[in-house]
Amino acid sequence: MFYFLLSPYLIYHGTLIAAAVIPAVFLMIKVYRSDKLEKESPYMIWHLVRAGILSALLALVEERVLSVLLDMAVPVESPLYNIILYFGIVAFAEESSKYILMRKETWNSWEFNCQFDGVVYAVFVSLGFALWENISYVMMYGFGTAVVRAVTAIPGHACFGVFMGVFYGISKRLFYRGHSSASKLMRVLAVVIPALLHGTYDYIATMETDEGSGYFIGFVLVLFVVSFFLVGKTAKEDRVIA
């Protein structure tokens, strides 16, 4: 009797969670299959997804603290407010959190021996982040949110991960060749470039005009096409670096 009363509730929320999870899992499979040279172990994959989930929690704390400081320092109605919020706080907090935990899990791992591994690592961490974030949004706002985020936010995080991973993989190759300064520069770009793309994505998404909607659709399409091209190109040109 107790289960009978709860079953509609469980089915509804189970459906929401599935709607939140499936797009991220689909993209994870796509990127994993693109790794032709040497696939990562299930152990590594699990740690990457877990790192992504933890990075979402870390970013949440950072965003809350920095948003309070922003509210104290800049008037909400100021144009500068949204620029700092989306570029300096949300985008940087999220992308840097992903990067920090990804690097902790992978930089010294024996499995990080191919350049394309950087893309796999960054995308899986980003999708672990998006997975947790999407479940949170869907549980709060319902199935409609799952549909919208399935075609925007989740692929968006994957795209940011592609750019992060491209620079991260190059950094590892340069490090093994003894080019430490160039390697550090690539690691900086592995955070800065995704953060700029992420900030642009969020900033345009909040423009409440028809023109803003057009810019957003155009930006998302270009982002997806370029990311898709980068995944194919870096997978095809993958090489052993260790």
C-alpha atoms as a PDB file:
ATOM      1  CA  MET A   1       0.000   0.000   0.000  1.00  0.00           C
ATOM      2  CA  PHE A   2       2.821   2.363   0.929  1.00  0.00           C
ATOM      3  CA  TYR A   3       4.627   1.641  -2.358  1.00  0.00           C
ATOM      4  CA  PHE A   4       1.370   2.089  -4.306  1.00  0.00           C
ATOM      5  CA  LEU A   5       0.948   5.573  -2.845  1.00  0.00           C
ATOM      6  CA  LEU A   6       4.548   6.509  -3.540  1.00  0.00           C
ATOM      7  CA  SER A   7       4.831   4.978  -7.017  1.00  0.00           C
ATOM      8  CA  PRO A   8       3.519   8.034  -8.969  1.00  0.00           C
ATOM      9  CA  TYR A   9       5.991  10.225  -7.095  1.00  0.00           C
ATOM     10  CA  LEU A  10       8.849   7.798  -7.747  1.00  0.00           C
ATOM     11  CA  ILE A  11       7.963   7.362 -11.423  1.00  0.00           C
ATOM     12  CA  TYR A  12       7.721  11.125 -11.962  1.00  0.00           C
ATOM     13  CA  HIS A  13      11.038  11.912 -10.331  1.00  0.00           C
ATOM     14  CA  GLY A  14      12.684   8.880 -11.901  1.00  0.00           C
ATOM     15  CA  THR A  15      11.601  10.197 -15.300  1.00  0.00           C
ATOM     16  CA  LEU A  16      13.025  13.635 -14.516  1.00  0.00           C
ATOM     17  CA  ILE A  17      16.348  12.178 -13.427  1.00  0.00           C
ATOM     18  CA  ALA A  18      16.513  10.012 -16.552  1.00  0.00           C
ATOM     19  CA  ALA A  19      15.806  13.070 -18.713  1.00  0.00           C
ATOM     20  CA  ALA A  20      18.632  14.896 -16.954  1.00  0.00           C
ATOM     21  CA  VAL A  21      21.118  12.021 -17.176  1.00  0.00           C
ATOM     22  CA  ILE A  22      20.595  10.585 -20.687  1.00  0.00           C
ATOM     23  CA  PRO A  23      21.977  13.543 -22.730  1.00  0.00           C
ATOM     24  CA  ALA A  24      25.179  13.628 -20.668  1.00  0.00           C
ATOM     25  CA  VAL A  25      25.647   9.860 -20.931  1.00  0.00           C
ATOM     26  CA  PHE A  26      25.086   9.990 -24.703  1.00  0.00           C
ATOM     27  CA  LEU A  27      27.827  12.597 -25.123  1.00  0.00           C
ATOM     28  CA  MET A  28      30.174  10.642 -22.841  1.00  0.00           C
ATOM     29  CA  ILE A  29      29.773   7.568 -25.066  1.00  0.00           C
ATOM     30  CA  LYS A  30      30.385   9.670 -28.192  1.00  0.00           C
ATOM     31  CA  VAL A  31      33.660  11.103 -26.879  1.00  0.00           C
ATOM     32  CA  TYR A  32      34.799   7.756 -25.442  1.00  0.00           C
ATOM     33  CA  ARG A  33      34.340   6.069 -28.829  1.00  0.00           C
ATOM     34  CA  SER A  34      36.323   8.858 -30.503  1.00  0.00           C
ATOM     35  CA  ASP A  35      39.405   7.810 -28.519  1.00  0.00           C
ATOM     36  CA  LYS A  36      40.834   5.404 -31.103  1.00  0.00           C
ATOM     37  CA  LEU A  37      44.453   5.066 -29.974  1.00  0.00           C
ATOM     38  CA  GLU A  38      44.090   3.847 -26.390  1.00  0.00           C
ATOM     39  CA  LYS A  39      40.871   4.027 -24.404  1.00  0.00           C
ATOM     40  CA  GLU A  40      40.869   5.057 -20.756  1.00  0.00           C
ATOM     41  CA  SER A  41      40.083   2.524 -18.052  1.00  0.00           C
ATOM     42  CA  PRO A  42      36.655   2.358 -16.349  1.00  0.00           C
ATOM     43  CA  TYR A  43      38.483   3.297 -13.136  1.00  0.00           C
ATOM     44  CA  MET A  44      39.697   6.550 -14.714  1.00  0.00           C
ATOM     45  CA  ILE A  45      36.302   7.293 -16.269  1.00  0.00           C
ATOM     46  CA  TRP A  46      34.553   6.924 -12.927  1.00  0.00           C
ATOM     47  CA  HIS A  47      37.065   9.205 -11.223  1.00  0.00           C
ATOM     48  CA  LEU A  48      36.588  11.825 -13.942  1.00  0.00           C
ATOM     49  CA  VAL A  49      32.800  11.819 -13.589  1.00  0.00           C
ATOM     50  CA  ARG A  50      33.150  11.992  -9.818  1.00  0.00           C
ATOM     51  CA  ALA A  51      35.597  14.883 -10.173  1.00  0.00           C
ATOM     52  CA  GLY A  52      33.038  16.677 -12.331  1.00  0.00           C
ATOM     53  CA  ILE A  53      30.341  16.255  -9.703  1.00  0.00           C
ATOM     54  CA  LEU A  54      32.687  17.495  -6.971  1.00  0.00           C
ATOM     55  CA  SER A  55      33.693  20.449  -9.139  1.00  0.00           C
ATOM     56  CA  ALA A  56      30.022  21.458  -9.388  1.00  0.00           C
ATOM     57  CA  LEU A  57      29.788  21.556  -5.597  1.00  0.00           C
ATOM     58  CA  LEU A  58      33.069  23.479  -5.314  1.00  0.00           C
ATOM     59  CA  ALA A  59      31.943  25.993  -7.935  1.00  0.00           C
ATOM     60  CA  LEU A  60      28.629  26.472  -6.142  1.00  0.00           C
ATOM     61  CA  VAL A  61      30.420  27.524  -2.951  1.00  0.00           C
ATOM     62  CA  GLU A  62      32.741  29.855  -4.880  1.00  0.00           C
ATOM     63  CA  GLU A  63      29.850  31.442  -6.760  1.00  0.00           C
ATOM     64  CA  ARG A  64      27.825  32.053  -3.598  1.00  0.00           C
ATOM     65  CA  VAL A  65      30.718  33.725  -1.780  1.00  0.00           C
ATOM     66  CA  LEU A  66      31.846  35.818  -4.753  1.00  0.00           C
ATOM     67  CA  SER A  67      28.265  36.842  -5.602  1.00  0.00           C
ATOM     68  CA  VAL A  68      27.826  38.253  -2.096  1.00  0.00           C
ATOM     69  CA  LEU A  69      31.016  40.272  -2.513  1.00  0.00           C
ATOM     70  CA  LEU A  70      29.865  41.457  -5.941  1.00  0.00           C
ATOM     71  CA  ASP A  71      26.515  42.615  -4.538  1.00  0.00           C
ATOM     72  CA  MET A  72      28.379  44.671  -1.972  1.00  0.00           C
ATOM     73  CA  ALA A  73      30.761  46.227  -4.494  1.00  0.00           C
ATOM     74  CA  VAL A  74      28.755  46.849  -7.690  1.00  0.00           C
ATOM     75  CA  PRO A  75      25.132  48.039  -8.127  1.00  0.00           C
ATOM     76  CA  VAL A  76      22.908  45.356  -9.656  1.00  0.00           C
ATOM     77  CA  GLU A  77      21.580  47.768 -12.289  1.00  0.00           C
ATOM     78  CA  SER A  78      25.103  48.549 -13.534  1.00  0.00           C
ATOM     79  CA  PRO A  79      26.089  46.990 -16.922  1.00  0.00           C
ATOM     80  CA  LEU A  80      29.374  46.030 -15.253  1.00  0.00           C
ATOM     81  CA  TYR A  81      27.486  43.809 -12.808  1.00  0.00           C
ATOM     82  CA  ASN A  82      26.487  41.165 -15.376  1.00  0.00           C
ATOM     83  CA  ILE A  83      29.905  41.213 -17.028  1.00  0.00           C
ATOM     84  CA  ILE A  84      31.634  40.486 -13.708  1.00  0.00           C
ATOM     85  CA  LEU A  85      28.963  37.971 -12.712  1.00  0.00           C
ATOM     86  CA  TYR A  86      29.013  35.858 -15.856  1.00  0.00           C
ATOM     87  CA  PHE A  87      32.651  36.165 -16.886  1.00  0.00           C
ATOM     88  CA  GLY A  88      34.511  36.739 -13.631  1.00  0.00           C
ATOM     89  CA  ILE A  89      32.431  34.675 -11.212  1.00  0.00           C
ATOM     90  CA  VAL A  90      30.225  32.008 -12.816  1.00  0.00           C
ATOM     91  CA  ALA A  91      32.395  31.075 -15.802  1.00  0.00           C
ATOM     92  CA  PHE A  92      35.741  31.268 -14.040  1.00  0.00           C
ATOM     93  CA  ALA A  93      34.523  29.497 -10.889  1.00  0.00           C
ATOM     94  CA  GLU A  94      33.042  26.613 -12.882  1.00  0.00           C
ATOM     95  CA  GLU A  95      35.824  26.152 -15.417  1.00  0.00           C
ATOM     96  CA  SER A  96      38.629  26.538 -12.876  1.00  0.00           C
ATOM     97  CA  SER A  97      36.926  24.057 -10.531  1.00  0.00           C
ATOM     98  CA  LYS A  98      36.670  21.522 -13.365  1.00  0.00           C
ATOM     99  CA  TYR A  99      40.305  22.082 -14.283  1.00  0.00           C
ATOM    100  CA  ILE A 100      41.654  21.825 -10.728  1.00  0.00           C
ATOM    101  CA  LEU A 101      39.960  18.502 -10.030  1.00  0.00           C
ATOM    102  CA  MET A 102      40.721  17.142 -13.509  1.00  0.00           C
ATOM    103  CA  ARG A 103      44.411  17.943 -13.109  1.00  0.00           C
ATOM    104  CA  LYS A 104      44.467  16.370  -9.660  1.00  0.00           C
ATOM    105  CA  GLU A 105      43.068  13.116 -11.068  1.00  0.00           C
ATOM    106  CA  THR A 106      45.024  12.919 -14.317  1.00  0.00           C
ATOM    107  CA  TRP A 107      48.251  14.916 -14.600  1.00  0.00           C
ATOM    108  CA  ASN A 108      50.476  12.328 -12.904  1.00  0.00           C
ATOM    109  CA  SER A 109      48.476   9.296 -14.038  1.00  0.00           C
ATOM    110  CA  TRP A 110      50.217   6.651 -16.131  1.00  0.00           C
ATOM    111  CA  GLU A 111      47.094   6.606 -18.315  1.00  0.00           C
ATOM    112  CA  PHE A 112      47.733  10.160 -19.530  1.00  0.00           C
ATOM    113  CA  ASN A 113      50.021   9.059 -22.344  1.00  0.00           C
ATOM    114  CA  CYS A 114      48.226  10.327 -25.473  1.00  0.00           C
ATOM    115  CA  GLN A 115      47.368  13.887 -26.484  1.00  0.00           C
ATOM    116  CA  PHE A 116      43.672  13.149 -27.094  1.00  0.00           C
ATOM    117  CA  ASP A 117      43.424  11.900 -23.504  1.00  0.00           C
ATOM    118  CA  GLY A 118      43.282  15.567 -22.501  1.00  0.00           C
ATOM    119  CA  VAL A 119      40.057  16.004 -24.472  1.00  0.00           C
ATOM    120  CA  VAL A 120      38.551  12.843 -22.992  1.00  0.00           C
ATOM    121  CA  TYR A 121      39.425  13.936 -19.455  1.00  0.00           C
ATOM    122  CA  ALA A 122      38.107  17.478 -19.797  1.00  0.00           C
ATOM    123  CA  VAL A 123      34.877  16.422 -21.524  1.00  0.00           C
ATOM    124  CA  PHE A 124      34.109  13.718 -18.958  1.00  0.00           C
ATOM    125  CA  VAL A 125      34.758  16.095 -16.057  1.00  0.00           C
ATOM    126  CA  SER A 126      32.600  18.740 -17.765  1.00  0.00           C
ATOM    127  CA  LEU A 127      29.788  16.259 -18.354  1.00  0.00           C
ATOM    128  CA  GLY A 128      30.031  15.033 -14.759  1.00  0.00           C
ATOM    129  CA  PHE A 129      29.582  18.681 -13.787  1.00  0.00           C
ATOM    130  CA  ALA A 130      26.663  19.091 -16.226  1.00  0.00           C
ATOM    131  CA  LEU A 131      25.105  15.826 -15.030  1.00  0.00           C
ATOM    132  CA  TRP A 132      24.898  17.012 -11.434  1.00  0.00           C
ATOM    133  CA  GLU A 133      23.865  20.527 -12.416  1.00  0.00           C
ATOM    134  CA  ASN A 134      21.147  19.228 -14.733  1.00  0.00           C
ATOM    135  CA  ILE A 135      19.676  16.901 -12.131  1.00  0.00           C
ATOM    136  CA  SER A 136      19.483  19.843  -9.721  1.00  0.00           C
ATOM    137  CA  TYR A 137      17.752  22.099 -12.259  1.00  0.00           C
ATOM    138  CA  VAL A 138      15.340  19.417 -13.443  1.00  0.00           C
ATOM    139  CA  MET A 139      14.297  18.459  -9.922  1.00  0.00           C
ATOM    140  CA  MET A 140      13.574  22.134  -9.207  1.00  0.00           C
ATOM    141  CA  TYR A 141      11.943  23.210 -12.473  1.00  0.00           C
ATOM    142  CA  GLY A 142      10.620  20.058 -14.157  1.00  0.00           C
ATOM    143  CA  PHE A 143      10.760  18.203 -17.452  1.00  0.00           C
ATOM    144  CA  GLY A 144      10.677  21.310 -19.662  1.00  0.00           C
ATOM    145  CA  THR A 145      14.002  22.357 -18.193  1.00  0.00           C
ATOM    146  CA  ALA A 146      15.462  18.952 -19.078  1.00  0.00           C
ATOM    147  CA  VAL A 147      14.479  19.382 -22.714  1.00  0.00           C
ATOM    148  CA  VAL A 148      15.978  22.867 -22.995  1.00  0.00           C
ATOM    149  CA  ARG A 149      19.199  21.969 -21.186  1.00  0.00           C
ATOM    150  CA  ALA A 150      19.574  18.757 -23.211  1.00  0.00           C
ATOM    151  CA  VAL A 151      20.118  20.813 -26.363  1.00  0.00           C
ATOM    152  CA  THR A 152      21.914  23.813 -24.861  1.00  0.00           C
ATOM    153  CA  ALA A 153      23.585  23.601 -21.452  1.00  0.00           C
ATOM    154  CA  ILE A 154      24.794  19.983 -21.493  1.00  0.00           C
ATOM    155  CA  PRO A 155      26.349  20.132 -24.983  1.00  0.00           C
ATOM    156  CA  GLY A 156      27.617  23.585 -23.983  1.00  0.00           C
ATOM    157  CA  HIS A 157      29.567  22.145 -21.065  1.00  0.00           C
ATOM    158  CA  ALA A 158      30.875  19.396 -23.354  1.00  0.00           C
ATOM    159  CA  CYS A 159      32.078  22.055 -25.824  1.00  0.00           C
ATOM    160  CA  PHE A 160      33.836  24.011 -23.085  1.00  0.00           C
ATOM    161  CA  GLY A 161      35.455  20.710 -22.117  1.00  0.00           C
ATOM    162  CA  VAL A 162      36.660  20.127 -25.677  1.00  0.00           C
ATOM    163  CA  PHE A 163      38.527  23.453 -25.698  1.00  0.00           C
ATOM    164  CA  MET A 164      39.920  22.798 -22.234  1.00  0.00           C
ATOM    165  CA  GLY A 165      41.045  19.323 -23.242  1.00  0.00           C
ATOM    166  CA  VAL A 166      42.743  20.416 -26.459  1.00  0.00           C
ATOM    167  CA  PHE A 167      45.001  22.828 -24.567  1.00  0.00           C
ATOM    168  CA  TYR A 168      45.449  20.356 -21.689  1.00  0.00           C
ATOM    169  CA  GLY A 169      46.616  17.611 -24.034  1.00  0.00           C
ATOM    170  CA  ILE A 170      49.056  19.956 -25.795  1.00  0.00           C
ATOM    171  CA  SER A 171      50.351  21.031 -22.388  1.00  0.00           C
ATOM    172  CA  LYS A 172      51.114  17.434 -21.436  1.00  0.00           C
ATOM    173  CA  ARG A 173      52.969  16.820 -24.713  1.00  0.00           C
ATOM    174  CA  LEU A 174      55.040  19.983 -24.252  1.00  0.00           C
ATOM    175  CA  PHE A 175      55.793  19.008 -20.658  1.00  0.00           C
ATOM    176  CA  TYR A 176      57.223  15.643 -21.753  1.00  0.00           C
ATOM    177  CA  ARG A 177      59.358  17.416 -24.339  1.00  0.00           C
ATOM    178  CA  GLY A 178      60.824  19.640 -21.645  1.00  0.00           C
ATOM    179  CA  HIS A 179      59.093  22.861 -22.701  1.00  0.00           C
ATOM    180  CA  SER A 180      57.881  23.814 -19.228  1.00  0.00           C
ATOM    181  CA  SER A 181      57.081  27.480 -19.962  1.00  0.00           C
ATOM    182  CA  ALA A 182      55.021  26.639 -23.045  1.00  0.00           C
ATOM    183  CA  SER A 183      53.326  23.841 -21.097  1.00  0.00           C
ATOM    184  CA  LYS A 184      52.295  26.264 -18.350  1.00  0.00           C
ATOM    185  CA  LEU A 185      50.927  28.699 -20.933  1.00  0.00           C
ATOM    186  CA  MET A 186      48.771  25.929 -22.427  1.00  0.00           C
ATOM    187  CA  ARG A 187      47.448  25.075 -18.964  1.00  0.00           C
ATOM    188  CA  VAL A 188      46.504  28.720 -18.423  1.00  0.00           C
ATOM    189  CA  LEU A 189      44.701  28.741 -21.776  1.00  0.00           C
ATOM    190  CA  ALA A 190      42.967  25.499 -20.780  1.00  0.00           C
ATOM    191  CA  VAL A 191      41.104  27.564 -18.173  1.00  0.00           C
ATOM    192  CA  VAL A 192      40.945  31.012 -19.777  1.00  0.00           C
ATOM    193  CA  ILE A 193      39.542  30.007 -23.195  1.00  0.00           C
ATOM    194  CA  PRO A 194      36.701  27.824 -21.841  1.00  0.00           C
ATOM    195  CA  ALA A 195      35.903  30.501 -19.245  1.00  0.00           C
ATOM    196  CA  LEU A 196      35.619  33.178 -21.944  1.00  0.00           C
ATOM    197  CA  LEU A 197      33.378  30.913 -24.049  1.00  0.00           C
ATOM    198  CA  HIS A 198      31.308  30.020 -20.991  1.00  0.00           C
ATOM    199  CA  GLY A 199      30.949  33.660 -19.955  1.00  0.00           C
ATOM    200  CA  THR A 200      29.900  34.644 -23.477  1.00  0.00           C
ATOM    201  CA  TYR A 201      27.366  31.804 -23.543  1.00  0.00           C
ATOM    202  CA  ASP A 202      25.796  32.877 -20.231  1.00  0.00           C
ATOM    203  CA  TYR A 203      25.910  36.591 -21.009  1.00  0.00           C
ATOM    204  CA  ILE A 204      24.191  36.245 -24.394  1.00  0.00           C
ATOM    205  CA  ALA A 205      21.650  33.799 -22.944  1.00  0.00           C
ATOM    206  CA  THR A 206      20.461  36.485 -20.510  1.00  0.00           C
ATOM    207  CA  MET A 207      19.875  39.138 -23.182  1.00  0.00           C
ATOM    208  CA  GLU A 208      16.103  39.650 -23.069  1.00  0.00           C
ATOM    209  CA  THR A 209      15.612  40.747 -26.678  1.00  0.00           C
ATOM    210  CA  ASP A 210      14.858  39.052 -29.988  1.00  0.00           C
ATOM    211  CA  GLU A 211      18.269  40.182 -31.174  1.00  0.00           C
ATOM    212  CA  GLY A 212      19.826  38.522 -28.133  1.00  0.00           C
ATOM    213  CA  SER A 213      18.046  35.243 -28.961  1.00  0.00           C
ATOM    214  CA  GLY A 214      19.475  35.370 -32.475  1.00  0.00           C
ATOM    215  CA  TYR A 215      22.976  35.978 -31.158  1.00  0.00           C
ATOM    216  CA  PHE A 216      22.582  33.085 -28.717  1.00  0.00           C
ATOM    217  CA  ILE A 217      21.439  30.610 -31.380  1.00  0.00           C
ATOM    218  CA  GLY A 218      24.248  31.716 -33.696  1.00  0.00           C
ATOM    219  CA  PHE A 219      26.861  31.454 -30.949  1.00  0.00           C
ATOM    220  CA  VAL A 220      25.683  27.996 -29.875  1.00  0.00           C
ATOM    221  CA  LEU A 221      25.692  26.684 -33.446  1.00  0.00           C
ATOM    222  CA  VAL A 222      29.222  27.963 -34.095  1.00  0.00           C
ATOM    223  CA  LEU A 223      30.405  26.586 -30.742  1.00  0.00           C
ATOM    224  CA  PHE A 224      28.967  23.131 -31.504  1.00  0.00           C
ATOM    225  CA  VAL A 225      30.368  23.003 -35.050  1.00  0.00           C
ATOM    226  CA  VAL A 226      33.865  24.091 -34.004  1.00  0.00           C
ATOM    227  CA  SER A 227      33.881  21.661 -31.062  1.00  0.00           C
ATOM    228  CA  PHE A 228      32.723  18.786 -33.271  1.00  0.00           C
ATOM    229  CA  PHE A 229      35.513  19.622 -35.733  1.00  0.00           C
ATOM    230  CA  LEU A 230      38.105  19.779 -32.938  1.00  0.00           C
ATOM    231  CA  VAL A 231      37.091  16.385 -31.537  1.00  0.00           C
ATOM    232  CA  GLY A 232      37.417  14.766 -34.960  1.00  0.00           C
ATOM    233  CA  LYS A 233      40.699  16.497 -35.785  1.00  0.00           C
ATOM    234  CA  THR A 234      42.412  15.850 -32.439  1.00  0.00           C
ATOM    235  CA  ALA A 235      41.216  12.211 -32.397  1.00  0.00           C
ATOM    236  CA  LYS A 236      42.542  11.655 -35.920  1.00  0.00           C
ATOM    237  CA  GLU A 237      45.899  13.284 -35.130  1.00  0.00           C
ATOM    238  CA  ASP A 238      46.275  11.632 -31.714  1.00  0.00           C
ATOM    239  CA  ARG A 239      49.782  10.544 -30.768  1.00  0.00           C
ATOM    240  CA  VAL A 240      51.571   8.857 -27.895  1.00  0.00           C
ATOM    241  CA  ILE A 241      53.331  11.414 -25.708  1.00  0.00           C
ATOM    242  CA  ALA A 242      54.811   9.227 -22.985  1.00  0.00           C
END
